[in-house]
C-alpha atoms as a PDB file:
ATOM      1  CA  MET A   1      -0.241   0.085   0.390  1.00  0.00           C
ATOM      2  CA  ASP A   2       1.532   3.445  -0.949  1.00  0.00           C
ATOM      3  CA  ARG A   3       0.142   5.420   1.292  1.00  0.00           C
ATOM      4  CA  VAL A   4       1.605   8.831  -0.185  1.00  0.00           C
ATOM      5  CA  ALA A   5      -0.306   8.077  -4.047  1.00  0.00           C
ATOM      6  CA  LEU A   6      -3.124   7.162  -2.270  1.00  0.00           C
ATOM      7  CA  ALA A   7      -3.258  10.698  -0.110  1.00  0.00           C
ATOM      8  CA  ASP A   8      -2.424  12.204  -3.137  1.00  0.00           C
ATOM      9  CA  PHE A   9      -4.694  10.923  -6.020  1.00  0.00           C
ATOM     10  CA  LEU A  10      -7.375  11.178  -3.688  1.00  0.00           C
ATOM     11  CA  ARG A  11      -6.440  14.927  -2.464  1.00  0.00           C
ATOM     12  CA  ARG A  12      -6.605  15.638  -5.921  1.00  0.00           C
ATOM     13  CA  ARG A  13      -9.779  14.006  -7.108  1.00  0.00           C
ATOM     14  CA  ARG A  14     -11.972  15.599  -4.614  1.00  0.00           C
ATOM     15  CA  ALA A  15     -10.310  19.128  -5.349  1.00  0.00           C
ATOM     16  CA  ALA A  16     -11.654  18.206  -9.009  1.00  0.00           C
ATOM     17  CA  LEU A  17     -14.865  17.611  -8.361  1.00  0.00           C
ATOM     18  CA  ARG A  18     -17.593  20.262  -7.425  1.00  0.00           C
ATOM     19  CA  PRO A  19     -20.962  20.291  -5.842  1.00  0.00           C
ATOM     20  CA  GLU A  20     -23.055  20.809  -8.864  1.00  0.00           C
ATOM     21  CA  ASP A  21     -21.064  17.225 -10.219  1.00  0.00           C
ATOM     22  CA  ILE A  22     -22.529  14.769  -8.311  1.00  0.00           C
ATOM     23  CA  GLY A  23     -26.250  17.104  -7.402  1.00  0.00           C
ATOM     24  CA  LEU A  24     -25.621  19.475  -4.909  1.00  0.00           C
ATOM     25  CA  ALA A  25     -26.480  22.760  -4.733  1.00  0.00           C
ATOM     26  CA  ALA A  26     -23.104  24.616  -5.084  1.00  0.00           C
ATOM     27  CA  GLY A  27     -23.968  26.684  -1.274  1.00  0.00           C
ATOM     28  CA  ALA A  28     -21.831  29.418  -0.365  1.00  0.00           C
ATOM     29  CA  ARG A  29     -18.724  30.058  -1.421  1.00  0.00           C
ATOM     30  CA  ARG A  30     -16.121  27.669  -0.406  1.00  0.00           C
ATOM     31  CA  ARG A  31     -12.287  28.203   0.638  1.00  0.00           C
ATOM     32  CA  ALA A  32     -11.126  25.709  -1.241  1.00  0.00           C
ATOM     33  CA  PRO A  33     -11.900  24.225  -4.505  1.00  0.00           C
ATOM     34  CA  GLY A  34     -13.947  20.845  -4.967  1.00  0.00           C
ATOM     35  CA  LEU A  35     -16.259  18.865  -2.372  1.00  0.00           C
ATOM     36  CA  ARG A  36     -15.469  19.194   1.579  1.00  0.00           C
ATOM     37  CA  ARG A  37     -14.162  15.695   3.189  1.00  0.00           C
ATOM     38  CA  GLU A  38     -17.648  14.698   4.456  1.00  0.00           C
ATOM     39  CA  GLU A  39     -19.292  15.087   1.116  1.00  0.00           C
ATOM     40  CA  VAL A  40     -16.909  11.932   0.231  1.00  0.00           C
ATOM     41  CA  ALA A  41     -17.184  10.731   3.614  1.00  0.00           C
ATOM     42  CA  ALA A  42     -21.418  10.417   3.057  1.00  0.00           C
ATOM     43  CA  LEU A  43     -21.629   9.845  -1.120  1.00  0.00           C
ATOM     44  CA  ALA A  44     -18.685   6.467  -0.175  1.00  0.00           C
ATOM     45  CA  ALA A  45     -21.139   5.877   3.003  1.00  0.00           C
ATOM     46  CA  MET A  46     -17.819   5.951   5.491  1.00  0.00           C
ATOM     47  CA  SER A  47     -17.051   7.948   8.196  1.00  0.00           C
ATOM     48  CA  THR A  48     -16.017  11.768   7.615  1.00  0.00           C
ATOM     49  CA  ASP A  49     -12.874  10.512  10.383  1.00  0.00           C
ATOM     50  CA  TYR A  50     -11.926   7.272   8.260  1.00  0.00           C
ATOM     51  CA  TYR A  51     -11.905   9.035   4.981  1.00  0.00           C
ATOM     52  CA  THR A  52      -9.988  12.358   6.750  1.00  0.00           C
ATOM     53  CA  ARG A  53      -7.384   9.748   7.942  1.00  0.00           C
ATOM     54  CA  LEU A  54      -6.791   8.344   4.269  1.00  0.00           C
ATOM     55  CA  GLU A  55      -6.281  11.214   3.004  1.00  0.00           C
ATOM     56  CA  GLN A  56      -3.524  12.106   5.888  1.00  0.00           C
ATOM     57  CA  GLN A  57      -1.906   8.682   5.205  1.00  0.00           C
ATOM     58  CA  ARG A  58      -3.270   7.521   8.534  1.00  0.00           C
ATOM     59  CA  GLY A  59      -5.742   4.635   8.170  1.00  0.00           C
ATOM     60  CA  PRO A  60      -5.455   1.135   7.723  1.00  0.00           C
ATOM     61  CA  GLN A  61      -5.674  -0.807   4.491  1.00  0.00           C
ATOM     62  CA  PRO A  62      -8.741   0.393   2.775  1.00  0.00           C
ATOM     63  CA  SER A  63     -11.040  -3.392   1.420  1.00  0.00           C
ATOM     64  CA  GLU A  64     -11.780  -4.514  -1.910  1.00  0.00           C
ATOM     65  CA  GLN A  65     -15.043  -2.721  -1.141  1.00  0.00           C
ATOM     66  CA  MET A  66     -14.543   0.441   0.747  1.00  0.00           C
ATOM     67  CA  LEU A  67     -12.352   1.081  -2.798  1.00  0.00           C
ATOM     68  CA  THR A  68     -15.612   0.650  -4.917  1.00  0.00           C
ATOM     69  CA  ALA A  69     -17.316   2.750  -2.665  1.00  0.00           C
ATOM     70  CA  LEU A  70     -14.869   5.656  -3.023  1.00  0.00           C
ATOM     71  CA  ALA A  71     -14.466   5.188  -6.631  1.00  0.00           C
ATOM     72  CA  ARG A  72     -18.309   5.691  -7.798  1.00  0.00           C
ATOM     73  CA  ALA A  73     -18.430   8.670  -4.383  1.00  0.00           C
ATOM     74  CA  LEU A  74     -15.361  10.325  -6.484  1.00  0.00           C
ATOM     75  CA  ARG A  75     -17.092   9.450  -9.884  1.00  0.00           C
ATOM     76  CA  LEU A  76     -13.913   7.414 -10.965  1.00  0.00           C
ATOM     77  CA  THR A  77     -12.997   6.350 -15.019  1.00  0.00           C
ATOM     78  CA  THR A  78     -12.426   2.676 -15.097  1.00  0.00           C
ATOM     79  CA  GLY A  79      -8.481   3.538 -15.583  1.00  0.00           C
ATOM     80  CA  GLU A  80      -8.890   6.115 -12.334  1.00  0.00           C
ATOM     81  CA  ARG A  81     -10.606   3.254 -10.031  1.00  0.00           C
ATOM     82  CA  ASP A  82      -7.783   0.351 -11.047  1.00  0.00           C
ATOM     83  CA  TYR A  83      -5.062   2.779 -10.065  1.00  0.00           C
ATOM     84  CA  LEU A  84      -6.949   3.055  -6.687  1.00  0.00           C
ATOM     85  CA  PHE A  85      -6.355  -0.094  -5.998  1.00  0.00           C
ATOM     86  CA  HIS A  86      -3.403  -0.390  -6.824  1.00  0.00           C
ATOM     87  CA  VAL A  87      -1.660   2.494  -4.724  1.00  0.00           C
ATOM     88  CA  ALA A  88      -4.028   0.775  -2.367  1.00  0.00           C
ATOM     89  CA  GLY A  89      -2.574  -2.049  -2.739  1.00  0.00           C
ATOM     90  CA  ARG A  90      -5.267  -4.002  -3.611  1.00  0.00           C
ATOM     91  CA  ASN A  91      -6.280  -5.631  -6.977  1.00  0.00           C
ATOM     92  CA  ALA A  92      -7.779  -4.635  -9.219  1.00  0.00           C
ATOM     93  CA  PRO A  93     -11.277  -5.702 -10.002  1.00  0.00           C
ATOM     94  CA  SER A  94     -11.740  -8.516 -12.566  1.00  0.00           C
ATOM     95  CA  HIS A  95     -13.399  -7.491 -16.311  1.00  0.00           C
ATOM     96  CA  GLU A  96     -16.356  -9.384 -14.922  1.00  0.00           C
ATOM     97  CA  SER A  97     -16.391  -7.359 -11.280  1.00  0.00           C
ATOM     98  CA  ALA A  98     -15.315  -4.229 -13.283  1.00  0.00           C
ATOM     99  CA  ALA A  99     -19.146  -4.612 -14.400  1.00  0.00           C
ATOM    100  CA  THR A 100     -20.522  -3.057 -10.828  1.00  0.00           C
ATOM    101  CA  HIS A 101     -18.504   0.150 -11.713  1.00  0.00           C
ATOM    102  CA  VAL A 102     -21.152   2.719 -12.042  1.00  0.00           C
ATOM    103  CA  ALA A 103     -19.642   4.380 -15.696  1.00  0.00           C
ATOM    104  CA  PRO A 104     -19.509   8.034 -14.239  1.00  0.00           C
ATOM    105  CA  ALA A 105     -21.655   8.886 -17.917  1.00  0.00           C
ATOM    106  CA  LEU A 106     -24.506   7.704 -16.253  1.00  0.00           C
ATOM    107  CA  LEU A 107     -23.777   8.471 -12.933  1.00  0.00           C
ATOM    108  CA  ARG A 108     -23.413  12.545 -14.227  1.00  0.00           C
ATOM    109  CA  VAL A 109     -26.735  11.795 -15.508  1.00  0.00           C
ATOM    110  CA  LEU A 110     -28.510  10.549 -12.576  1.00  0.00           C
ATOM    111  CA  ASP A 111     -26.798  13.124 -10.454  1.00  0.00           C
ATOM    112  CA  ARG A 112     -29.375  15.644 -12.365  1.00  0.00           C
ATOM    113  CA  LEU A 113     -32.479  14.004 -12.007  1.00  0.00           C
ATOM    114  CA  ALA A 114     -33.565  14.942  -8.287  1.00  0.00           C
ATOM    115  CA  ASP A 115     -37.502  15.412  -8.997  1.00  0.00           C
ATOM    116  CA  THR A 116     -38.301  11.608 -10.327  1.00  0.00           C
ATOM    117  CA  PRO A 117     -37.670   8.200  -9.366  1.00  0.00           C
ATOM    118  CA  ALA A 118     -33.588   6.947 -11.789  1.00  0.00           C
ATOM    119  CA  LEU A 119     -31.856   4.184 -10.696  1.00  0.00           C
ATOM    120  CA  ILE A 120     -28.749   2.158 -12.854  1.00  0.00           C
ATOM    121  CA  LEU A 121     -28.735  -1.505 -13.071  1.00  0.00           C
ATOM    122  CA  SER A 122     -26.372  -3.916 -13.924  1.00  0.00           C
ATOM    123  CA  ASN A 123     -26.746  -6.805 -16.657  1.00  0.00           C
ATOM    124  CA  LEU A 124     -27.819  -8.653 -14.433  1.00  0.00           C
ATOM    125  CA  GLY A 125     -30.598  -6.681 -12.872  1.00  0.00           C
ATOM    126  CA  GLU A 126     -28.268  -5.292  -9.559  1.00  0.00           C
ATOM    127  CA  THR A 127     -29.422  -2.216  -8.599  1.00  0.00           C
ATOM    128  CA  LEU A 128     -25.815   0.039  -8.656  1.00  0.00           C
ATOM    129  CA  VAL A 129     -26.570   3.092  -7.069  1.00  0.00           C
ATOM    130  CA  GLN A 130     -30.359   4.657  -7.119  1.00  0.00           C
ATOM    131  CA  ASN A 131     -32.187   8.588  -6.094  1.00  0.00           C
ATOM    132  CA  ARG A 132     -33.644   8.988  -3.164  1.00  0.00           C
ATOM    133  CA  MET A 133     -37.239   9.197  -5.101  1.00  0.00           C
ATOM    134  CA  ALA A 134     -35.784   4.998  -6.172  1.00  0.00           C
ATOM    135  CA  ASP A 135     -35.500   4.536  -2.519  1.00  0.00           C
ATOM    136  CA  ALA A 136     -39.071   5.947  -1.922  1.00  0.00           C
ATOM    137  CA  LEU A 137     -40.834   4.351  -5.061  1.00  0.00           C
ATOM    138  CA  PHE A 138     -38.652   0.451  -4.792  1.00  0.00           C
ATOM    139  CA  GLY A 139     -36.928   0.362  -0.945  1.00  0.00           C
ATOM    140  CA  ASP A 140     -33.474   0.359  -0.381  1.00  0.00           C
ATOM    141  CA  ARG A 141     -31.844  -2.112  -2.671  1.00  0.00           C
ATOM    142  CA  SER A 142     -28.713  -1.793  -1.429  1.00  0.00           C
ATOM    143  CA  GLY A 143     -28.703  -3.927   1.032  1.00  0.00           C
ATOM    144  CA  TYR A 144     -28.988  -7.588  -0.525  1.00  0.00           C
ATOM    145  CA  THR A 145     -26.218  -9.869  -1.197  1.00  0.00           C
ATOM    146  CA  GLY A 146     -25.092 -12.720  -2.724  1.00  0.00           C
ATOM    147  CA  LEU A 147     -27.472 -14.077  -5.685  1.00  0.00           C
ATOM    148  CA  ALA A 148     -29.902 -11.748  -4.542  1.00  0.00           C
ATOM    149  CA  ARG A 149     -28.596  -8.578  -5.805  1.00  0.00           C
ATOM    150  CA  SER A 150     -29.735  -9.577  -8.742  1.00  0.00           C
ATOM    151  CA  GLU A 151     -33.744  -8.771  -8.893  1.00  0.00           C
ATOM    152  CA  ILE A 152     -33.779 -11.188 -11.717  1.00  0.00           C
ATOM    153  CA  TYR A 153     -33.106 -13.604  -9.219  1.00  0.00           C
ATOM    154  CA  ARG A 154     -35.933 -12.023  -5.467  1.00  0.00           C
ATOM    155  CA  TRP A 155     -38.647 -12.257  -8.867  1.00  0.00           C
ATOM    156  CA  PHE A 156     -38.121 -16.261  -8.907  1.00  0.00           C
ATOM    157  CA  THR A 157     -37.185 -16.402  -5.307  1.00  0.00           C
ATOM    158  CA  ASP A 158     -39.187 -13.725  -3.506  1.00  0.00           C
ATOM    159  CA  PRO A 159     -43.057 -13.216  -3.325  1.00  0.00           C
ATOM    160  CA  ALA A 160     -42.517  -9.913  -2.141  1.00  0.00           C
ATOM    161  CA  GLU A 161     -40.529  -8.225  -5.456  1.00  0.00           C
ATOM    162  CA  ARG A 162     -44.372  -8.963  -7.712  1.00  0.00           C
ATOM    163  CA  LEU A 163     -46.208  -7.276  -5.240  1.00  0.00           C
ATOM    164  CA  ARG A 164     -44.840  -3.684  -6.596  1.00  0.00           C
ATOM    165  CA  TYR A 165     -46.551  -4.766 -10.152  1.00  0.00           C
ATOM    166  CA  PRO A 166     -50.722  -5.645 -10.814  1.00  0.00           C
ATOM    167  CA  GLU A 167     -51.310  -9.569 -10.856  1.00  0.00           C
ATOM    168  CA  ASP A 168     -51.936  -9.304 -14.400  1.00  0.00           C
ATOM    169  CA  ASP A 169     -49.023  -7.819 -15.677  1.00  0.00           C
ATOM    170  CA  ARG A 170     -46.355 -10.303 -13.909  1.00  0.00           C
ATOM    171  CA  ASP A 171     -46.304 -13.254 -16.234  1.00  0.00           C
ATOM    172  CA  ARG A 172     -44.781 -10.601 -18.871  1.00  0.00           C
ATOM    173  CA  GLN A 173     -42.864  -9.191 -16.511  1.00  0.00           C
ATOM    174  CA  SER A 174     -41.666 -12.698 -16.108  1.00  0.00           C
ATOM    175  CA  ARG A 175     -41.159 -13.209 -19.428  1.00  0.00           C
ATOM    176  CA  ALA A 176     -39.387  -9.802 -19.466  1.00  0.00           C
ATOM    177  CA  GLN A 177     -36.669 -10.650 -16.675  1.00  0.00           C
ATOM    178  CA  VAL A 178     -35.714 -14.029 -18.025  1.00  0.00           C
ATOM    179  CA  ALA A 179     -35.375 -12.624 -21.906  1.00  0.00           C
ATOM    180  CA  ASN A 180     -33.213  -9.696 -20.247  1.00  0.00           C
ATOM    181  CA  LEU A 181     -31.034 -12.662 -18.508  1.00  0.00           C
ATOM    182  CA  ARG A 182     -30.508 -15.089 -21.605  1.00  0.00           C
ATOM    183  CA  ALA A 183     -29.039 -11.745 -23.313  1.00  0.00           C
ATOM    184  CA  ALA A 184     -26.334 -11.058 -20.763  1.00  0.00           C
ATOM    185  CA  TYR A 185     -25.741 -14.959 -20.915  1.00  0.00           C
ATOM    186  CA  GLY A 186     -24.744 -14.450 -24.882  1.00  0.00           C
ATOM    187  CA  SER A 187     -22.515 -11.645 -23.542  1.00  0.00           C
ATOM    188  CA  MET A 188     -20.534 -13.114 -20.611  1.00  0.00           C
ATOM    189  CA  GLY A 189     -20.909 -17.345 -21.180  1.00  0.00           C
ATOM    190  CA  PRO A 190     -21.936 -20.084 -19.048  1.00  0.00           C
ATOM    191  CA  ASN A 191     -19.150 -19.709 -16.676  1.00  0.00           C
ATOM    192  CA  SER A 192     -19.734 -16.225 -15.683  1.00  0.00           C
ATOM    193  CA  ARG A 193     -21.878 -14.877 -12.923  1.00  0.00           C
ATOM    194  CA  ALA A 194     -24.539 -15.092 -15.480  1.00  0.00           C
ATOM    195  CA  GLY A 195     -24.739 -18.815 -15.999  1.00  0.00           C
ATOM    196  CA  GLU A 196     -24.048 -18.768 -12.215  1.00  0.00           C
ATOM    197  CA  LEU A 197     -27.030 -17.435 -11.779  1.00  0.00           C
ATOM    198  CA  VAL A 198     -29.192 -19.865 -14.549  1.00  0.00           C
ATOM    199  CA  ARG A 199     -27.785 -22.307 -13.288  1.00  0.00           C
ATOM    200  CA  ALA A 200     -29.397 -21.856  -9.603  1.00  0.00           C
ATOM    201  CA  LEU A 201     -32.680 -20.544 -10.699  1.00  0.00           C
ATOM    202  CA  GLN A 202     -33.264 -23.534 -12.775  1.00  0.00           C
ATOM    203  CA  LYS A 203     -32.930 -25.546  -9.636  1.00  0.00           C
ATOM    204  CA  VAL A 204     -35.025 -23.215  -7.237  1.00  0.00           C
ATOM    205  CA  SER A 205     -37.918 -22.087 -10.138  1.00  0.00           C
ATOM    206  CA  ALA A 206     -39.884 -24.671 -12.592  1.00  0.00           C
ATOM    207  CA  GLU A 207     -41.088 -20.835 -13.389  1.00  0.00           C
ATOM    208  CA  PHE A 208     -38.396 -20.085 -14.570  1.00  0.00           C
ATOM    209  CA  ALA A 209     -36.749 -23.607 -15.837  1.00  0.00           C
ATOM    210  CA  GLY A 210     -39.697 -23.639 -18.017  1.00  0.00           C
ATOM    211  CA  LEU A 211     -39.063 -19.826 -19.214  1.00  0.00           C
ATOM    212  CA  TRP A 212     -35.515 -20.180 -20.430  1.00  0.00           C
ATOM    213  CA  GLU A 213     -36.282 -23.318 -22.595  1.00  0.00           C
ATOM    214  CA  ARG A 214     -37.818 -20.964 -24.648  1.00  0.00           C
ATOM    215  CA  HIS A 215     -34.437 -18.956 -25.828  1.00  0.00           C
ATOM    216  CA  GLU A 216     -36.103 -15.375 -25.576  1.00  0.00           C
ATOM    217  CA  VAL A 217     -33.415 -13.006 -25.953  1.00  0.00           C
ATOM    218  CA  ALA A 218     -33.950  -9.169 -25.085  1.00  0.00           C
ATOM    219  CA  LYS A 219     -33.430  -6.113 -22.988  1.00  0.00           C
ATOM    220  CA  ARG A 220     -36.584  -5.438 -22.354  1.00  0.00           C
ATOM    221  CA  PHE A 221     -38.052  -2.177 -20.576  1.00  0.00           C
ATOM    222  CA  ALA A 222     -41.062  -1.490 -20.792  1.00  0.00           C
ATOM    223  CA  ASP A 223     -42.288   2.048 -22.226  1.00  0.00           C
ATOM    224  CA  HIS A 224     -44.817   2.137 -19.933  1.00  0.00           C
ATOM    225  CA  LYS A 225     -45.577   0.454 -16.952  1.00  0.00           C
ATOM    226  CA  THR A 226     -48.173   0.781 -13.637  1.00  0.00           C
ATOM    227  CA  LEU A 227     -46.289   0.159 -10.197  1.00  0.00           C
ATOM    228  CA  ILE A 228     -48.269  -0.209  -6.938  1.00  0.00           C
ATOM    229  CA  HIS A 229     -46.529   1.557  -3.653  1.00  0.00           C
ATOM    230  CA  PRO A 230     -47.661   0.023  -0.696  1.00  0.00           C
ATOM    231  CA  GLU A 231     -49.481   3.501   0.379  1.00  0.00           C
ATOM    232  CA  LEU A 232     -50.284   5.852  -2.515  1.00  0.00           C
ATOM    233  CA  GLY A 233     -51.427   1.867  -4.976  1.00  0.00           C
ATOM    234  CA  PRO A 234     -50.897   1.933  -8.375  1.00  0.00           C
ATOM    235  CA  ILE A 235     -48.691   4.989 -10.269  1.00  0.00           C
ATOM    236  CA  GLU A 236     -48.852   4.819 -13.970  1.00  0.00           C
ATOM    237  CA  LEU A 237     -45.550   5.273 -15.359  1.00  0.00           C
ATOM    238  CA  ASP A 238     -43.711   5.967 -19.001  1.00  0.00           C
ATOM    239  CA  CYS A 239     -39.713   4.268 -18.914  1.00  0.00           C
ATOM    240  CA  GLN A 240     -36.396   5.759 -20.725  1.00  0.00           C
ATOM    241  CA  VAL A 241     -33.695   3.917 -20.592  1.00  0.00           C
ATOM    242  CA  LEU A 242     -30.420   5.301 -21.666  1.00  0.00           C
ATOM    243  CA  PHE A 243     -27.421   1.867 -21.870  1.00  0.00           C
ATOM    244  CA  THR A 244     -23.672   2.586 -21.713  1.00  0.00           C
ATOM    245  CA  GLU A 245     -21.743   1.747 -24.924  1.00  0.00           C
ATOM    246  CA  ASP A 246     -21.139  -2.428 -24.016  1.00  0.00           C
ATOM    247  CA  GLN A 247     -24.748  -2.655 -23.116  1.00  0.00           C
ATOM    248  CA  SER A 248     -23.305  -3.709 -19.642  1.00  0.00           C
ATOM    249  CA  GLN A 249     -25.886  -1.229 -17.215  1.00  0.00           C
ATOM    250  CA  ALA A 250     -28.580   1.174 -17.853  1.00  0.00           C
ATOM    251  CA  LEU A 251     -30.153   3.815 -16.645  1.00  0.00           C
ATOM    252  CA  LEU A 252     -33.855   3.851 -15.889  1.00  0.00           C
ATOM    253  CA  VAL A 253     -35.379   7.233 -15.691  1.00  0.00           C
ATOM    254  CA  LEU A 254     -40.001   7.290 -14.729  1.00  0.00           C
ATOM    255  CA  THR A 255     -42.069  10.192 -15.493  1.00  0.00           C
ATOM    256  CA  ALA A 256     -45.841  10.558 -15.360  1.00  0.00           C
ATOM    257  CA  ALA A 257     -47.136  12.541 -17.406  1.00  0.00           C
ATOM    258  CA  PRO A 258     -47.863  16.686 -16.088  1.00  0.00           C
ATOM    259  CA  ARG A 259     -51.179  16.832 -14.638  1.00  0.00           C
ATOM    260  CA  THR A 260     -52.126  13.587 -13.888  1.00  0.00           C
ATOM    261  CA  GLU A 261     -53.604  11.790 -10.936  1.00  0.00           C
ATOM    262  CA  ASP A 262     -50.174   9.872 -10.968  1.00  0.00           C
ATOM    263  CA  ASP A 263     -47.649  13.390 -11.355  1.00  0.00           C
ATOM    264  CA  GLU A 264     -49.454  13.986  -8.162  1.00  0.00           C
ATOM    265  CA  LYS A 265     -48.440  10.946  -6.543  1.00  0.00           C
ATOM    266  CA  LEU A 266     -45.217  10.781  -7.745  1.00  0.00           C
ATOM    267  CA  ARG A 267     -44.834  14.558  -6.172  1.00  0.00           C
ATOM    268  CA  LEU A 268     -46.312  13.327  -2.535  1.00  0.00           C
ATOM    269  CA  LEU A 269     -43.585  10.610  -2.960  1.00  0.00           C
ATOM    270  CA  ALA A 270     -41.096  13.083  -3.211  1.00  0.00           C
ATOM    271  CA  VAL A 271     -42.253  13.984   0.473  1.00  0.00           C
ATOM    272  CA  LEU A 272     -42.864  11.169   1.980  1.00  0.00           C
ATOM    273  CA  GLY A 273     -39.952   9.156   0.958  1.00  0.00           C
ATOM    274  CA  GLN A 274     -39.802   6.288   3.004  1.00  0.00           C
ATOM    275  CA  GLU A 275     -42.101   6.829   5.529  1.00  0.00           C
ATOM    276  CA  ARG A 276     -44.759   5.356   6.135  1.00  0.00           C
ATOM    277  CA  PHE A 277     -48.919   5.964   7.337  1.00  0.00           C
ATOM    278  CA  VAL A 278     -49.863   5.139  10.279  1.00  0.00           C
ATOM    279  CA  GLU A 279     -53.399   4.433  11.067  1.00  0.00           C
ATOM    280  CA  THR A 280     -54.590   6.351  14.097  1.00  0.00           C
ATOM    281  CA  PRO A 281     -56.881   4.029  16.361  1.00  0.00           C
ATOM    282  CA  ARG A 282     -60.540   5.204  16.282  1.00  0.00           C
END
């Protein structure tokens, strides 16, 4: 671990960012350029003290998970991320693992979407990052681990995952999930994480096994869908998708038609966040 190089790199990358680059208000004039240490720490979900010690050459060797979080917080390119791992004394992520490093170009778009649900998914349906409105609509998806990180896996193994969709739309959604996985499987190969996901689902879900045999291949994201919020009920939304050049990640943006009941529900969702209504005893 090269503490000097790591500290200098972190300071320079922090200084190169501006609040507006990550969707924050510029606020009052700052004494020093770039983000504050506490802002980077918050973006990386670590304590300010821990991050400060890294910049002061006093911190312990960061874990791979911590380095991944820092790379995302500092909006590093793939090359910059690999350098960060190198000076921290860690092996750079493999090509397959690198697919979870969020593309900076997609992050820049996401950072500017504060008033509507938006999230970035891997080609295996893993939520890589989501904004506050997506948290409120879908719930926080950051706590899943292992195969359950993939919404495709959860769709066929966790009945609660289907409650966000109307019952008459769930068969179509099942086919779409499998078609998406078939596309990823085709590009990543049978010995990849996509292959691992397929083999696991074939063992636990007869529905998945049957749909897999159809060999349907597509990157399907319906242009118009209805999602069911546990408190606000059905919300009709339009879905727009922006892919990275290699199709490994997608930014989903969900909007409602202006001046409709669904638009009003989104506005209410922005106020409520993840709060839940509590019935008052009579």
